[in-house]
Amino acid sequence: MDIRFYKSFWGMDALPIEERVRVILEAGYDGFEAALPEVRQARQAGLQTPAVAMLFVTESDALRRELDACGEAGVEAVNVHAGKDWWDFQTGCLFWEEALEAVRESGLTVTFETHRGRLLFNPASTAAYLRKFHQLRITADFSHWTCVCESMLGDQAESLELAVQHTSLVHARVGHEEGPQVPDPRGERWLPYVEQFEGWWDRIKEAHEARGETVMRVDPEFGPPNYLWTDPSAGDRPVADLFEVCQWVKDRLRTRWSA
């Protein structure tokens, strides 16, 4: 199976689009992930680098339009932040019925992210939708779930396993009980959290292989401040280098899965 690593544009705003892509490719990534307008900018600059487009939608009509634009941009996959966490189940189901039809018509690889504030904001809500909509594929960012549930999900194994089986894109960020991002995963204090998340990502890889998938996509999507902790005694200087952290996770997983 071909495991492809993508680097998010998140936190790289100071660099021109062309420079972001150059740095990402030189660091050994296979492509980048970015909001659709940034993907369009890259294409307009003549860059045909493999890309995952990120969308933010609350209406199925908007999703349909933006999927058309993703097709025109020639993206490899699409990651969607969908809906609102305060929608009731019936409203969510109406959205999924229309959204998944738009996905089918697009012919694109489309996943929906497990993100705070969205329809898939916790394991229970996600599991309810996955049981009803078997074709729903997700972007697994379990760091949001550890934060929302204030736990390492030990009491939600069934919902977590269901999510694993429906995952087609991984956001490989390590969270904890009180936040969606540990300050620096390289620190000894956070090693148990890294290992917990790696176990979940291993299960996703195994599920891909069991389904006969030929490609698995991974983005070590750690974020800049205020996701990344800062030191107020040092002028709010970040406690870690964001690019180095993402690189460390990517290299660690590549080594782990090539052994």
Protein backbone atom coordinates (compact mmCIF):
# COMPACT_ATOMS: atom_id res chain seq x y z
CA MET A 1 0.00 0.00 0.00
CA ASP A 2 1.20 3.47 -0.91
CA ILE A 3 1.23 5.69 2.22
CA ARG A 4 1.29 9.33 1.14
CA PHE A 5 2.16 12.19 3.46
CA TYR A 6 0.82 15.70 2.99
CA LYS A 7 1.82 18.92 4.74
CA SER A 8 -0.82 21.47 5.64
CA PHE A 9 -0.31 25.10 4.63
CA TRP A 10 -1.51 25.96 8.16
CA GLY A 11 1.16 28.04 9.88
CA MET A 12 3.05 28.80 6.66
CA ASP A 13 1.25 32.05 5.87
CA ALA A 14 4.47 34.10 5.84
CA LEU A 15 5.70 32.30 2.72
CA PRO A 16 4.42 32.76 -0.85
CA ILE A 17 2.48 29.78 -2.21
CA GLU A 18 5.33 28.70 -4.48
CA GLU A 19 7.79 28.77 -1.58
CA ARG A 20 5.46 26.76 0.65
CA VAL A 21 5.22 24.02 -1.94
CA ARG A 22 8.97 23.99 -2.53
CA VAL A 23 9.73 23.67 1.19
CA ILE A 24 7.12 20.94 1.62
CA LEU A 25 8.44 18.83 -1.23
CA GLU A 26 12.07 19.28 -0.15
CA ALA A 27 11.08 18.02 3.31
CA GLY A 28 9.94 14.73 1.78
CA TYR A 29 6.18 15.13 1.66
CA ASP A 30 4.19 13.80 -1.27
CA GLY A 31 1.88 16.82 -1.50
CA PHE A 32 0.07 19.51 0.48
CA GLU A 33 -3.29 20.12 2.10
CA ALA A 34 -4.88 23.56 1.93
CA ALA A 35 -8.14 25.44 1.70
CA LEU A 36 -9.60 25.43 -1.81
CA PRO A 37 -8.68 29.08 -2.58
CA GLU A 38 -5.03 28.30 -1.80
CA VAL A 39 -5.13 25.19 -3.98
CA ARG A 40 -6.46 27.38 -6.78
CA GLN A 41 -3.61 29.85 -6.24
CA ALA A 42 -1.11 27.02 -6.51
CA ARG A 43 -2.68 25.84 -9.75
CA GLN A 44 -2.73 29.37 -11.15
CA ALA A 45 0.99 29.55 -10.36
CA GLY A 46 1.50 26.47 -12.51
CA LEU A 47 2.06 24.08 -9.59
CA GLN A 48 0.52 20.66 -10.19
CA THR A 49 1.72 19.19 -6.90
CA PRO A 50 -0.66 16.56 -5.45
CA ALA A 51 -3.14 18.35 -3.20
CA VAL A 52 -5.89 17.70 -0.69
CA ALA A 53 -8.43 20.52 -0.73
CA MET A 54 -10.14 21.58 2.49
CA LEU A 55 -13.75 22.81 2.43
CA PHE A 56 -15.95 24.41 5.09
CA VAL A 57 -19.68 23.97 4.43
CA THR A 58 -23.03 23.97 6.18
CA GLU A 59 -25.21 23.58 3.06
CA SER A 60 -25.25 20.73 0.55
CA ASP A 61 -25.64 23.15 -2.38
CA ALA A 62 -22.43 24.89 -1.37
CA LEU A 63 -20.70 21.51 -1.09
CA ARG A 64 -21.81 20.60 -4.59
CA ARG A 65 -20.44 23.84 -6.04
CA GLU A 66 -17.13 23.53 -4.24
CA LEU A 67 -16.70 19.90 -5.23
CA ASP A 68 -17.09 20.98 -8.84
CA ALA A 69 -14.30 23.51 -8.25
CA CYS A 70 -12.14 20.82 -6.63
CA GLY A 71 -12.58 18.66 -9.71
CA GLU A 72 -11.50 21.54 -11.92
CA ALA A 73 -8.42 22.05 -9.72
CA GLY A 74 -7.43 18.40 -10.11
CA VAL A 75 -7.08 17.55 -6.43
CA GLU A 76 -6.29 14.07 -5.16
CA ALA A 77 -8.83 14.22 -2.34
CA VAL A 78 -11.15 16.57 -0.48
CA ASN A 79 -11.45 17.06 3.29
CA VAL A 80 -14.66 18.69 4.49
CA HIS A 81 -15.56 20.46 7.73
CA ALA A 82 -19.30 19.82 7.63
CA GLY A 83 -22.32 21.15 9.47
CA LYS A 84 -22.61 22.29 13.07
CA ASP A 85 -22.36 20.39 16.35
CA TRP A 86 -25.63 21.87 17.60
CA TRP A 87 -27.74 20.43 14.77
CA ASP A 88 -30.13 17.73 15.92
CA PHE A 89 -29.85 14.24 14.46
CA GLN A 90 -32.68 14.71 11.97
CA THR A 91 -31.15 17.90 10.58
CA GLY A 92 -27.80 16.15 10.31
CA CYS A 93 -29.34 13.22 8.46
CA LEU A 94 -30.98 15.53 5.94
CA PHE A 95 -27.62 17.14 5.33
CA TRP A 96 -25.84 13.80 4.88
CA GLU A 97 -28.44 12.52 2.43
CA GLU A 98 -27.85 15.47 0.13
CA ALA A 99 -24.12 15.78 0.79
CA LEU A 100 -23.33 12.15 0.07
CA GLU A 101 -25.30 12.34 -3.17
CA ALA A 102 -23.14 15.32 -4.15
CA VAL A 103 -20.04 13.29 -3.29
CA ARG A 104 -21.23 10.37 -5.42
CA GLU A 105 -21.90 12.63 -8.38
CA SER A 106 -18.51 14.34 -8.06
CA GLY A 107 -16.52 11.14 -8.44
CA LEU A 108 -13.95 12.54 -6.01
CA THR A 109 -12.42 11.01 -2.89
CA VAL A 110 -14.19 13.03 -0.19
CA THR A 111 -13.86 12.66 3.57
CA PHE A 112 -15.53 14.54 6.43
CA GLU A 113 -13.42 15.59 9.40
CA THR A 114 -13.97 14.66 13.04
CA HIS A 115 -13.71 18.25 14.18
CA ARG A 116 -14.98 20.27 17.13
CA GLY A 117 -17.94 22.45 16.25
CA ARG A 118 -18.93 20.18 13.36
CA LEU A 119 -21.34 17.28 12.90
CA LEU A 120 -18.63 14.72 13.69
CA PHE A 121 -17.46 16.48 16.84
CA ASN A 122 -17.50 13.46 19.15
CA PRO A 123 -17.39 9.65 18.94
CA ALA A 124 -21.08 9.11 19.74
CA SER A 125 -22.48 11.53 17.16
CA THR A 126 -20.08 10.19 14.55
CA ALA A 127 -20.99 6.57 15.27
CA ALA A 128 -24.71 7.36 14.95
CA TYR A 129 -24.19 8.82 11.49
CA LEU A 130 -21.81 6.06 10.39
CA ARG A 131 -24.35 3.39 11.31
CA LYS A 132 -26.98 5.10 9.18
CA PHE A 133 -24.78 6.22 6.27
CA HIS A 134 -22.42 3.37 5.48
CA GLN A 135 -20.84 5.22 2.54
CA LEU A 136 -19.70 8.12 4.76
CA ARG A 137 -15.91 8.35 4.86
CA ILE A 138 -14.11 10.39 7.46
CA THR A 139 -10.91 12.29 8.14
CA ALA A 140 -9.79 10.95 11.50
CA ASP A 141 -8.50 13.72 13.73
CA PHE A 142 -8.97 12.06 17.09
CA SER A 143 -7.22 14.95 18.88
CA HIS A 144 -10.54 16.79 18.75
CA TRP A 145 -12.30 13.87 20.40
CA THR A 146 -9.84 13.56 23.30
CA CYS A 147 -10.39 17.26 23.93
CA VAL A 148 -14.20 17.21 23.63
CA CYS A 149 -14.54 14.07 25.77
CA GLU A 150 -11.79 15.06 28.24
CA SER A 151 -10.48 11.52 28.05
CA MET A 152 -8.28 9.22 26.01
CA LEU A 153 -11.46 7.50 24.80
CA GLY A 154 -10.95 4.31 26.77
CA ASP A 155 -14.69 4.03 27.40
CA GLN A 156 -15.66 4.53 23.75
CA ALA A 157 -13.94 1.64 22.03
CA GLU A 158 -16.93 0.63 19.89
CA SER A 159 -17.45 4.10 18.43
CA LEU A 160 -13.71 4.52 17.93
CA GLU A 161 -13.40 1.24 16.05
CA LEU A 162 -16.33 2.17 13.82
CA ALA A 163 -14.56 5.43 12.99
CA VAL A 164 -11.34 3.55 12.23
CA GLN A 165 -13.17 1.37 9.72
CA HIS A 166 -14.56 4.44 7.92
CA THR A 167 -11.35 6.50 7.82
CA SER A 168 -9.78 7.45 4.50
CA LEU A 169 -7.58 10.37 5.62
CA VAL A 170 -5.63 10.80 8.86
CA HIS A 171 -4.79 14.09 10.52
CA ALA A 172 -1.91 12.82 12.63
CA ARG A 173 -2.00 15.36 15.44
CA VAL A 174 -1.60 14.25 19.05
CA GLY A 175 -4.09 15.71 21.51
CA HIS A 176 -4.76 15.19 25.20
CA GLU A 177 -7.63 15.38 27.67
CA GLU A 178 -7.58 19.17 27.94
CA GLY A 179 -6.65 20.24 24.45
CA PRO A 180 -6.35 19.25 20.78
CA GLN A 181 -2.56 19.52 20.63
CA VAL A 182 0.23 18.53 23.00
CA PRO A 183 2.87 21.28 23.31
CA ASP A 184 5.64 19.17 21.77
CA PRO A 185 5.16 15.45 21.03
CA ARG A 186 8.92 14.95 21.21
CA GLY A 187 8.92 15.56 24.96
CA GLU A 188 9.15 12.56 27.30
CA ARG A 189 6.07 13.73 29.22
CA TRP A 190 3.92 13.31 26.12
CA LEU A 191 5.31 9.96 24.92
CA PRO A 192 2.34 7.95 26.32
CA TYR A 193 -0.02 10.18 24.32
CA VAL A 194 2.02 9.77 21.16
CA GLU A 195 1.97 6.00 21.59
CA GLN A 196 -1.79 6.00 22.20
CA PHE A 197 -2.43 7.89 18.98
CA GLU A 198 0.04 5.74 17.05
CA GLY A 199 -1.93 2.69 18.11
CA TRP A 200 -5.08 4.23 16.63
CA TRP A 201 -3.25 5.16 13.43
CA ASP A 202 -1.87 1.62 13.19
CA ARG A 203 -5.44 0.32 13.33
CA ILE A 204 -6.43 2.66 10.51
CA LYS A 205 -3.55 1.36 8.41
CA GLU A 206 -4.60 -2.23 9.14
CA ALA A 207 -8.18 -1.42 8.17
CA HIS A 208 -6.96 0.08 4.89
CA GLU A 209 -5.02 -3.09 4.15
CA ALA A 210 -7.97 -5.32 5.08
CA ARG A 211 -10.19 -3.40 2.63
CA GLY A 212 -7.60 -3.80 -0.10
CA GLU A 213 -6.91 -0.06 -0.34
CA THR A 214 -3.95 0.91 -2.49
CA VAL A 215 -3.44 4.38 -0.97
CA MET A 216 -3.49 5.80 2.57
CA ARG A 217 -3.23 9.57 3.10
CA VAL A 218 -1.73 11.14 6.23
CA ASP A 219 -1.26 14.80 7.22
CA PRO A 220 0.62 15.50 10.51
CA GLU A 221 -1.54 18.58 10.96
CA PHE A 222 -0.14 20.32 14.01
CA GLY A 223 -1.12 23.97 14.14
CA PRO A 224 0.48 27.34 14.96
CA PRO A 225 -0.43 29.46 18.00
CA ASN A 226 -2.90 29.39 19.63
CA TYR A 227 -2.89 25.63 18.98
CA LEU A 228 0.86 25.61 19.54
CA TRP A 229 1.68 26.65 23.10
CA THR A 230 3.70 29.82 23.69
CA ASP A 231 5.86 31.10 26.55
CA PRO A 232 4.50 34.44 27.85
CA SER A 233 7.74 35.07 29.74
CA ALA A 234 9.58 35.07 26.40
CA GLY A 235 7.33 37.39 24.44
CA ASP A 236 4.89 34.58 23.60
CA ARG A 237 7.56 32.71 21.70
CA PRO A 238 6.31 29.27 20.54
CA VAL A 239 7.58 26.44 22.73
CA ALA A 240 8.40 24.33 19.65
CA ASP A 241 9.12 24.78 15.96
CA LEU A 242 5.90 23.89 14.13
CA PHE A 243 7.52 22.65 10.92
CA GLU A 244 9.98 20.49 12.86
CA VAL A 245 7.15 18.94 14.91
CA CYS A 246 5.19 18.00 11.78
CA GLN A 247 8.37 16.64 10.21
CA TRP A 248 9.11 14.55 13.32
CA VAL A 249 5.66 12.95 13.25
CA LYS A 250 5.85 12.29 9.51
CA ASP A 251 9.32 10.72 9.73
CA ARG A 252 8.37 8.67 12.80
CA LEU A 253 5.32 7.21 11.06
CA ARG A 254 7.16 6.57 7.81
CA THR A 255 9.83 4.64 9.72
CA ARG A 256 7.23 2.83 11.83
CA TRP A 257 5.24 1.65 8.80
CA SER A 258 8.22 0.70 6.65
CA ALA A 259 9.69 -1.62 9.25
